[in-house]
Amino acid sequence: MEIACGPGQCVNGDCVELTDRESSICRAICDAAHPISFGELKASTNLHQEILSRAVRRLVIHGLVRKETDGRYKGECSQ
């Protein structure tokens, strides 16, 4: 499975298609030097917490982001 594909680029179903918003959230998590808290992510993305929560939950479900035991998020980025 590919980590992420841009909208409309998933040809054979072997990837998770991300919206632009989800892609930017995933990139923010992956680019962080350390696992990032929800509050830090909210501050860096300027998104409403409900919108951010839904997007992060989807990223976790698809294995693109992992929630650590301390509640911080870490990217599972390979690209």
PDB file of N, CA and C in Angstrom:
ATOM      1  N   MET A   1       0.841  -1.186   0.000  1.00  0.00           N
ATOM      2  CA  MET A   1       0.000   0.000   0.000  1.00  0.00           C
ATOM      3  C   MET A   1       0.879   1.240   0.000  1.00  0.00           C
ATOM      4  N   GLU A   2       0.555   2.180  -0.837  1.00  0.00           N
ATOM      5  CA  GLU A   2       1.249   3.452  -0.815  1.00  0.00           C
ATOM      6  C   GLU A   2       0.742   4.247   0.377  1.00  0.00           C
ATOM      7  N   ILE A   3       1.610   5.091   0.924  1.00  0.00           N
ATOM      8  CA  ILE A   3       1.224   5.887   2.085  1.00  0.00           C
ATOM      9  C   ILE A   3       0.110   6.851   1.724  1.00  0.00           C
ATOM     10  N   ALA A   4       0.222   7.549   0.642  1.00  0.00           N
ATOM     11  CA  ALA A   4      -0.825   8.497   0.276  1.00  0.00           C
ATOM     12  C   ALA A   4      -0.748   8.805  -1.199  1.00  0.00           C
ATOM     13  N   CYS A   5      -1.869   9.086  -1.762  1.00  0.00           N
ATOM     14  CA  CYS A   5      -1.956   9.515  -3.152  1.00  0.00           C
ATOM     15  C   CYS A   5      -2.737  10.819  -3.175  1.00  0.00           C
ATOM     16  N   GLY A   6      -2.438  11.640  -4.115  1.00  0.00           N
ATOM     17  CA  GLY A   6      -3.217  12.862  -4.269  1.00  0.00           C
ATOM     18  C   GLY A   6      -4.611  12.528  -4.761  1.00  0.00           C
ATOM     19  N   PRO A   7      -5.536  13.440  -4.620  1.00  0.00           N
ATOM     20  CA  PRO A   7      -6.902  13.212  -5.089  1.00  0.00           C
ATOM     21  C   PRO A   7      -6.925  12.771  -6.561  1.00  0.00           C
ATOM     22  N   GLY A   8      -7.632  11.683  -6.823  1.00  0.00           N
ATOM     23  CA  GLY A   8      -7.772  11.198  -8.200  1.00  0.00           C
ATOM     24  C   GLY A   8      -6.587  10.422  -8.734  1.00  0.00           C
ATOM     25  N   GLN A   9      -5.561  10.173  -7.920  1.00  0.00           N
ATOM     26  CA  GLN A   9      -4.360   9.493  -8.405  1.00  0.00           C
ATOM     27  C   GLN A   9      -4.291   8.018  -8.031  1.00  0.00           C
ATOM     28  N   CYS A  10      -5.250   7.521  -7.308  1.00  0.00           N
ATOM     29  CA  CYS A  10      -5.232   6.133  -6.874  1.00  0.00           C
ATOM     30  C   CYS A  10      -5.817   5.267  -7.985  1.00  0.00           C
ATOM     31  N   VAL A  11      -4.947   4.644  -8.739  1.00  0.00           N
ATOM     32  CA  VAL A  11      -5.374   3.922  -9.934  1.00  0.00           C
ATOM     33  C   VAL A  11      -5.846   2.508  -9.619  1.00  0.00           C
ATOM     34  N   ASN A  12      -5.075   1.745  -8.867  1.00  0.00           N
ATOM     35  CA  ASN A  12      -5.397   0.338  -8.665  1.00  0.00           C
ATOM     36  C   ASN A  12      -5.931   0.015  -7.280  1.00  0.00           C
ATOM     37  N   GLY A  13      -6.273   1.024  -6.484  1.00  0.00           N
ATOM     38  CA  GLY A  13      -6.841   0.784  -5.166  1.00  0.00           C
ATOM     39  C   GLY A  13      -5.842   0.430  -4.095  1.00  0.00           C
ATOM     40  N   ASP A  14      -4.542   0.518  -4.403  1.00  0.00           N
ATOM     41  CA  ASP A  14      -3.509   0.168  -3.434  1.00  0.00           C
ATOM     42  C   ASP A  14      -3.020   1.357  -2.618  1.00  0.00           C
ATOM     43  N   CYS A  15      -3.787   2.404  -2.582  1.00  0.00           N
ATOM     44  CA  CYS A  15      -3.359   3.565  -1.806  1.00  0.00           C
ATOM     45  C   CYS A  15      -4.564   4.210  -1.140  1.00  0.00           C
ATOM     46  N   VAL A  16      -4.264   5.094  -0.231  1.00  0.00           N
ATOM     47  CA  VAL A  16      -5.305   5.842   0.455  1.00  0.00           C
ATOM     48  C   VAL A  16      -5.341   7.219  -0.176  1.00  0.00           C
ATOM     49  N   GLU A  17      -6.474   7.591  -0.735  1.00  0.00           N
ATOM     50  CA  GLU A  17      -6.597   8.919  -1.317  1.00  0.00           C
ATOM     51  C   GLU A  17      -6.882   9.924  -0.213  1.00  0.00           C
ATOM     52  N   LEU A  18      -6.068  10.956  -0.141  1.00  0.00           N
ATOM     53  CA  LEU A  18      -6.230  11.986   0.867  1.00  0.00           C
ATOM     54  C   LEU A  18      -6.737  13.267   0.235  1.00  0.00           C
ATOM     55  N   THR A  19      -7.554  13.972   0.983  1.00  0.00           N
ATOM     56  CA  THR A  19      -7.944  15.310   0.540  1.00  0.00           C
ATOM     57  C   THR A  19      -6.722  16.207   0.737  1.00  0.00           C
ATOM     58  N   ASP A  20      -6.768  17.394   0.170  1.00  0.00           N
ATOM     59  CA  ASP A  20      -5.663  18.331   0.365  1.00  0.00           C
ATOM     60  C   ASP A  20      -5.459  18.630   1.843  1.00  0.00           C
ATOM     61  N   ARG A  21      -6.552  18.782   2.577  1.00  0.00           N
ATOM     62  CA  ARG A  21      -6.477  19.062   4.015  1.00  0.00           C
ATOM     63  C   ARG A  21      -5.814  17.905   4.755  1.00  0.00           C
ATOM     64  N   GLU A  22      -6.251  16.677   4.468  1.00  0.00           N
ATOM     65  CA  GLU A  22      -5.668  15.507   5.126  1.00  0.00           C
ATOM     66  C   GLU A  22      -4.191  15.362   4.788  1.00  0.00           C
ATOM     67  N   SER A  23      -3.871  15.636   3.557  1.00  0.00           N
ATOM     68  CA  SER A  23      -2.477  15.567   3.133  1.00  0.00           C
ATOM     69  C   SER A  23      -1.616  16.573   3.883  1.00  0.00           C
ATOM     70  N   SER A  24      -2.122  17.788   4.074  1.00  0.00           N
ATOM     71  CA  SER A  24      -1.338  18.798   4.789  1.00  0.00           C
ATOM     72  C   SER A  24      -1.211  18.437   6.270  1.00  0.00           C
ATOM     73  N   ILE A  25      -2.242  17.841   6.850  1.00  0.00           N
ATOM     74  CA  ILE A  25      -2.172  17.401   8.249  1.00  0.00           C
ATOM     75  C   ILE A  25      -1.154  16.273   8.377  1.00  0.00           C
ATOM     76  N   CYS A  26      -1.211  15.330   7.479  1.00  0.00           N
ATOM     77  CA  CYS A  26      -0.284  14.199   7.492  1.00  0.00           C
ATOM     78  C   CYS A  26       1.150  14.708   7.351  1.00  0.00           C
ATOM     79  N   ARG A  27       1.363  15.639   6.451  1.00  0.00           N
ATOM     80  CA  ARG A  27       2.695  16.203   6.235  1.00  0.00           C
ATOM     81  C   ARG A  27       3.173  16.939   7.487  1.00  0.00           C
ATOM     82  N   ALA A  28       2.288  17.686   8.149  1.00  0.00           N
ATOM     83  CA  ALA A  28       2.665  18.406   9.374  1.00  0.00           C
ATOM     84  C   ALA A  28       3.099  17.429  10.458  1.00  0.00           C
ATOM     85  N   ILE A  29       2.399  16.313  10.568  1.00  0.00           N
ATOM     86  CA  ILE A  29       2.752  15.304  11.570  1.00  0.00           C
ATOM     87  C   ILE A  29       4.070  14.638  11.195  1.00  0.00           C
ATOM     88  N   CYS A  30       4.220  14.288   9.927  1.00  0.00           N
ATOM     89  CA  CYS A  30       5.441  13.609   9.479  1.00  0.00           C
ATOM     90  C   CYS A  30       6.666  14.511   9.555  1.00  0.00           C
ATOM     91  N   ASP A  31       6.478  15.797   9.335  1.00  0.00           N
ATOM     92  CA  ASP A  31       7.600  16.737   9.344  1.00  0.00           C
ATOM     93  C   ASP A  31       8.017  17.160  10.747  1.00  0.00           C
ATOM     94  N   ALA A  32       7.191  16.863  11.742  1.00  0.00           N
ATOM     95  CA  ALA A  32       7.520  17.244  13.115  1.00  0.00           C
ATOM     96  C   ALA A  32       8.741  16.466  13.596  1.00  0.00           C
ATOM     97  N   ALA A  33       9.607  17.135  14.333  1.00  0.00           N
ATOM     98  CA  ALA A  33      10.832  16.508  14.830  1.00  0.00           C
ATOM     99  C   ALA A  33      10.551  15.486  15.933  1.00  0.00           C
ATOM    100  N   HIS A  34       9.368  15.548  16.509  1.00  0.00           N
ATOM    101  CA  HIS A  34       8.982  14.660  17.603  1.00  0.00           C
ATOM    102  C   HIS A  34       7.490  14.395  17.475  1.00  0.00           C
ATOM    103  N   PRO A  35       6.984  13.359  18.149  1.00  0.00           N
ATOM    104  CA  PRO A  35       5.535  13.159  18.127  1.00  0.00           C
ATOM    105  C   PRO A  35       4.827  14.441  18.583  1.00  0.00           C
ATOM    106  N   ILE A  36       3.768  14.794  17.897  1.00  0.00           N
ATOM    107  CA  ILE A  36       3.104  16.084  18.080  1.00  0.00           C
ATOM    108  C   ILE A  36       1.773  15.912  18.809  1.00  0.00           C
ATOM    109  N   SER A  37       1.497  16.819  19.717  1.00  0.00           N
ATOM    110  CA  SER A  37       0.230  16.754  20.435  1.00  0.00           C
ATOM    111  C   SER A  37      -0.892  17.319  19.566  1.00  0.00           C
ATOM    112  N   PHE A  38      -2.112  17.008  19.935  1.00  0.00           N
ATOM    113  CA  PHE A  38      -3.256  17.522  19.194  1.00  0.00           C
ATOM    114  C   PHE A  38      -3.264  19.052  19.250  1.00  0.00           C
ATOM    115  N   GLY A  39      -2.953  19.612  20.415  1.00  0.00           N
ATOM    116  CA  GLY A  39      -2.923  21.063  20.566  1.00  0.00           C
ATOM    117  C   GLY A  39      -1.887  21.712  19.673  1.00  0.00           C
ATOM    118  N   GLU A  40      -0.702  21.103  19.581  1.00  0.00           N
ATOM    119  CA  GLU A  40       0.347  21.628  18.691  1.00  0.00           C
ATOM    120  C   GLU A  40      -0.099  21.548  17.237  1.00  0.00           C
ATOM    121  N   LEU A  41      -0.735  20.448  16.895  1.00  0.00           N
ATOM    122  CA  LEU A  41      -1.219  20.265  15.528  1.00  0.00           C
ATOM    123  C   LEU A  41      -2.315  21.276  15.207  1.00  0.00           C
ATOM    124  N   LYS A  42      -3.201  21.491  16.156  1.00  0.00           N
ATOM    125  CA  LYS A  42      -4.274  22.468  15.972  1.00  0.00           C
ATOM    126  C   LYS A  42      -3.695  23.864  15.758  1.00  0.00           C
ATOM    127  N   ALA A  43      -2.699  24.220  16.554  1.00  0.00           N
ATOM    128  CA  ALA A  43      -2.072  25.541  16.429  1.00  0.00           C
ATOM    129  C   ALA A  43      -1.340  25.689  15.097  1.00  0.00           C
ATOM    130  N   SER A  44      -0.701  24.631  14.630  1.00  0.00           N
ATOM    131  CA  SER A  44       0.069  24.742  13.396  1.00  0.00           C
ATOM    132  C   SER A  44      -0.800  24.708  12.139  1.00  0.00           C
ATOM    133  N   THR A  45      -1.989  24.102  12.243  1.00  0.00           N
ATOM    134  CA  THR A  45      -2.853  24.000  11.061  1.00  0.00           C
ATOM    135  C   THR A  45      -3.956  25.050  11.047  1.00  0.00           C
ATOM    136  N   ASN A  46      -4.244  25.646  12.201  1.00  0.00           N
ATOM    137  CA  ASN A  46      -5.325  26.629  12.322  1.00  0.00           C
ATOM    138  C   ASN A  46      -6.686  26.067  11.922  1.00  0.00           C
ATOM    139  N   LEU A  47      -6.891  24.773  12.157  1.00  0.00           N
ATOM    140  CA  LEU A  47      -8.171  24.144  11.844  1.00  0.00           C
ATOM    141  C   LEU A  47      -9.018  24.035  13.103  1.00  0.00           C
ATOM    142  N   HIS A  48     -10.320  24.063  12.921  1.00  0.00           N
ATOM    143  CA  HIS A  48     -11.252  23.852  14.034  1.00  0.00           C
ATOM    144  C   HIS A  48     -11.011  22.447  14.561  1.00  0.00           C
ATOM    145  N   GLN A  49     -11.101  22.293  15.880  1.00  0.00           N
ATOM    146  CA  GLN A  49     -10.755  21.005  16.476  1.00  0.00           C
ATOM    147  C   GLN A  49     -11.619  19.856  15.986  1.00  0.00           C
ATOM    148  N   GLU A  50     -12.878  20.091  15.673  1.00  0.00           N
ATOM    149  CA  GLU A  50     -13.735  19.003  15.182  1.00  0.00           C
ATOM    150  C   GLU A  50     -13.285  18.538  13.796  1.00  0.00           C
ATOM    151  N   ILE A  51     -12.960  19.469  12.943  1.00  0.00           N
ATOM    152  CA  ILE A  51     -12.479  19.122  11.598  1.00  0.00           C
ATOM    153  C   ILE A  51     -11.151  18.390  11.696  1.00  0.00           C
ATOM    154  N   LEU A  52     -10.254  18.914  12.510  1.00  0.00           N
ATOM    155  CA  LEU A  52      -8.943  18.297  12.686  1.00  0.00           C
ATOM    156  C   LEU A  52      -9.080  16.896  13.282  1.00  0.00           C
ATOM    157  N   SER A  53      -9.939  16.745  14.259  1.00  0.00           N
ATOM    158  CA  SER A  53     -10.148  15.455  14.908  1.00  0.00           C
ATOM    159  C   SER A  53     -10.618  14.398  13.913  1.00  0.00           C
ATOM    160  N   ARG A  54     -11.568  14.758  13.074  1.00  0.00           N
ATOM    161  CA  ARG A  54     -12.067  13.802  12.065  1.00  0.00           C
ATOM    162  C   ARG A  54     -10.962  13.395  11.093  1.00  0.00           C
ATOM    163  N   ALA A  55     -10.192  14.374  10.643  1.00  0.00           N
ATOM    164  CA  ALA A  55      -9.131  14.087   9.682  1.00  0.00           C
ATOM    165  C   ALA A  55      -8.043  13.214  10.307  1.00  0.00           C
ATOM    166  N   VAL A  56      -7.644  13.539  11.526  1.00  0.00           N
ATOM    167  CA  VAL A  56      -6.610  12.758  12.204  1.00  0.00           C
ATOM    168  C   VAL A  56      -7.109  11.335  12.460  1.00  0.00           C
ATOM    169  N   ARG A  57      -8.357  11.202  12.855  1.00  0.00           N
ATOM    170  CA  ARG A  57      -8.934   9.865  13.082  1.00  0.00           C
ATOM    171  C   ARG A  57      -8.854   9.031  11.813  1.00  0.00           C
ATOM    172  N   ARG A  58      -9.165   9.626  10.673  1.00  0.00           N
ATOM    173  CA  ARG A  58      -9.091   8.902   9.402  1.00  0.00           C
ATOM    174  C   ARG A  58      -7.652   8.499   9.086  1.00  0.00           C
ATOM    175  N   LEU A  59      -6.716   9.391   9.360  1.00  0.00           N
ATOM    176  CA  LEU A  59      -5.304   9.074   9.119  1.00  0.00           C
ATOM    177  C   LEU A  59      -4.844   7.924  10.012  1.00  0.00           C
ATOM    178  N   VAL A  60      -5.325   7.891  11.250  1.00  0.00           N
ATOM    179  CA  VAL A  60      -4.979   6.808  12.176  1.00  0.00           C
ATOM    180  C   VAL A  60      -5.596   5.495  11.688  1.00  0.00           C
ATOM    181  N   ILE A  61      -6.856   5.526  11.302  1.00  0.00           N
ATOM    182  CA  ILE A  61      -7.547   4.326  10.822  1.00  0.00           C
ATOM    183  C   ILE A  61      -6.813   3.700   9.644  1.00  0.00           C
ATOM    184  N   HIS A  62      -6.308   4.540   8.750  1.00  0.00           N
ATOM    185  CA  HIS A  62      -5.620   4.038   7.558  1.00  0.00           C
ATOM    186  C   HIS A  62      -4.140   3.764   7.790  1.00  0.00           C
ATOM    187  N   GLY A  63      -3.670   3.956   9.022  1.00  0.00           N
ATOM    188  CA  GLY A  63      -2.291   3.623   9.350  1.00  0.00           C
ATOM    189  C   GLY A  63      -1.263   4.636   8.894  1.00  0.00           C
ATOM    190  N   LEU A  64      -1.695   5.813   8.517  1.00  0.00           N
ATOM    191  CA  LEU A  64      -0.759   6.840   8.073  1.00  0.00           C
ATOM    192  C   LEU A  64      -0.180   7.608   9.250  1.00  0.00           C
ATOM    193  N   VAL A  65      -0.896   7.594  10.355  1.00  0.00           N
ATOM    194  CA  VAL A  65      -0.491   8.273  11.576  1.00  0.00           C
ATOM    195  C   VAL A  65      -0.749   7.313  12.730  1.00  0.00           C
ATOM    196  N   ARG A  66       0.126   7.331  13.715  1.00  0.00           N
ATOM    197  CA  ARG A  66      -0.036   6.471  14.884  1.00  0.00           C
ATOM    198  C   ARG A  66      -0.219   7.344  16.111  1.00  0.00           C
ATOM    199  N   LYS A  67      -1.175   6.988  16.949  1.00  0.00           N
ATOM    200  CA  LYS A  67      -1.375   7.699  18.210  1.00  0.00           C
ATOM    201  C   LYS A  67      -0.560   6.989  19.274  1.00  0.00           C
ATOM    202  N   GLU A  68       0.378   7.710  19.855  1.00  0.00           N
ATOM    203  CA  GLU A  68       1.241   7.161  20.890  1.00  0.00           C
ATOM    204  C   GLU A  68       0.450   6.993  22.195  1.00  0.00           C
ATOM    205  N   THR A  69       1.000   6.259  23.128  1.00  0.00           N
ATOM    206  CA  THR A  69       0.316   6.032  24.401  1.00  0.00           C
ATOM    207  C   THR A  69       0.131   7.320  25.199  1.00  0.00           C
ATOM    208  N   ASP A  70       0.972   8.326  24.946  1.00  0.00           N
ATOM    209  CA  ASP A  70       0.830   9.600  25.643  1.00  0.00           C
ATOM    210  C   ASP A  70      -0.124  10.557  24.933  1.00  0.00           C
ATOM    211  N   GLY A  71      -0.782  10.075  23.856  1.00  0.00           N
ATOM    212  CA  GLY A  71      -1.762  10.884  23.140  1.00  0.00           C
ATOM    213  C   GLY A  71      -1.187  11.706  22.007  1.00  0.00           C
ATOM    214  N   ARG A  72       0.125  11.691  21.836  1.00  0.00           N
ATOM    215  CA  ARG A  72       0.756  12.437  20.739  1.00  0.00           C
ATOM    216  C   ARG A  72       0.690  11.609  19.459  1.00  0.00           C
ATOM    217  N   TYR A  73       0.844  12.306  18.338  1.00  0.00           N
ATOM    218  CA  TYR A  73       0.744  11.651  17.038  1.00  0.00           C
ATOM    219  C   TYR A  73       2.098  11.602  16.351  1.00  0.00           C
ATOM    220  N   LYS A  74       2.341  10.474  15.703  1.00  0.00           N
ATOM    221  CA  LYS A  74       3.576  10.263  14.962  1.00  0.00           C
ATOM    222  C   LYS A  74       3.211   9.759  13.571  1.00  0.00           C
ATOM    223  N   GLY A  75       3.872  10.296  12.571  1.00  0.00           N
ATOM    224  CA  GLY A  75       3.588   9.890  11.199  1.00  0.00           C
ATOM    225  C   GLY A  75       4.261   8.586  10.840  1.00  0.00           C
ATOM    226  N   GLU A  76       3.599   7.816  10.036  1.00  0.00           N
ATOM    227  CA  GLU A  76       4.141   6.575   9.501  1.00  0.00           C
ATOM    228  C   GLU A  76       4.506   6.844   8.049  1.00  0.00           C
ATOM    229  N   CYS A  77       5.420   7.766   7.841  1.00  0.00           N
ATOM    230  CA  CYS A  77       5.720   8.278   6.506  1.00  0.00           C
ATOM    231  C   CYS A  77       6.906   7.545   5.892  1.00  0.00           C
ATOM    232  N   SER A  78       6.729   7.149   4.663  1.00  0.00           N
ATOM    233  CA  SER A  78       7.840   6.514   3.949  1.00  0.00           C
ATOM    234  C   SER A  78       8.094   7.188   2.626  1.00  0.00           C
ATOM    235  N   GLN A  79       7.399   8.280   2.335  1.00  0.00           N
ATOM    236  CA  GLN A  79       7.642   8.918   1.058  1.00  0.00           C
ATOM    237  C   GLN A  79       8.404  10.198   1.238  1.00  0.00           C
TER     238      GLN A  79
END
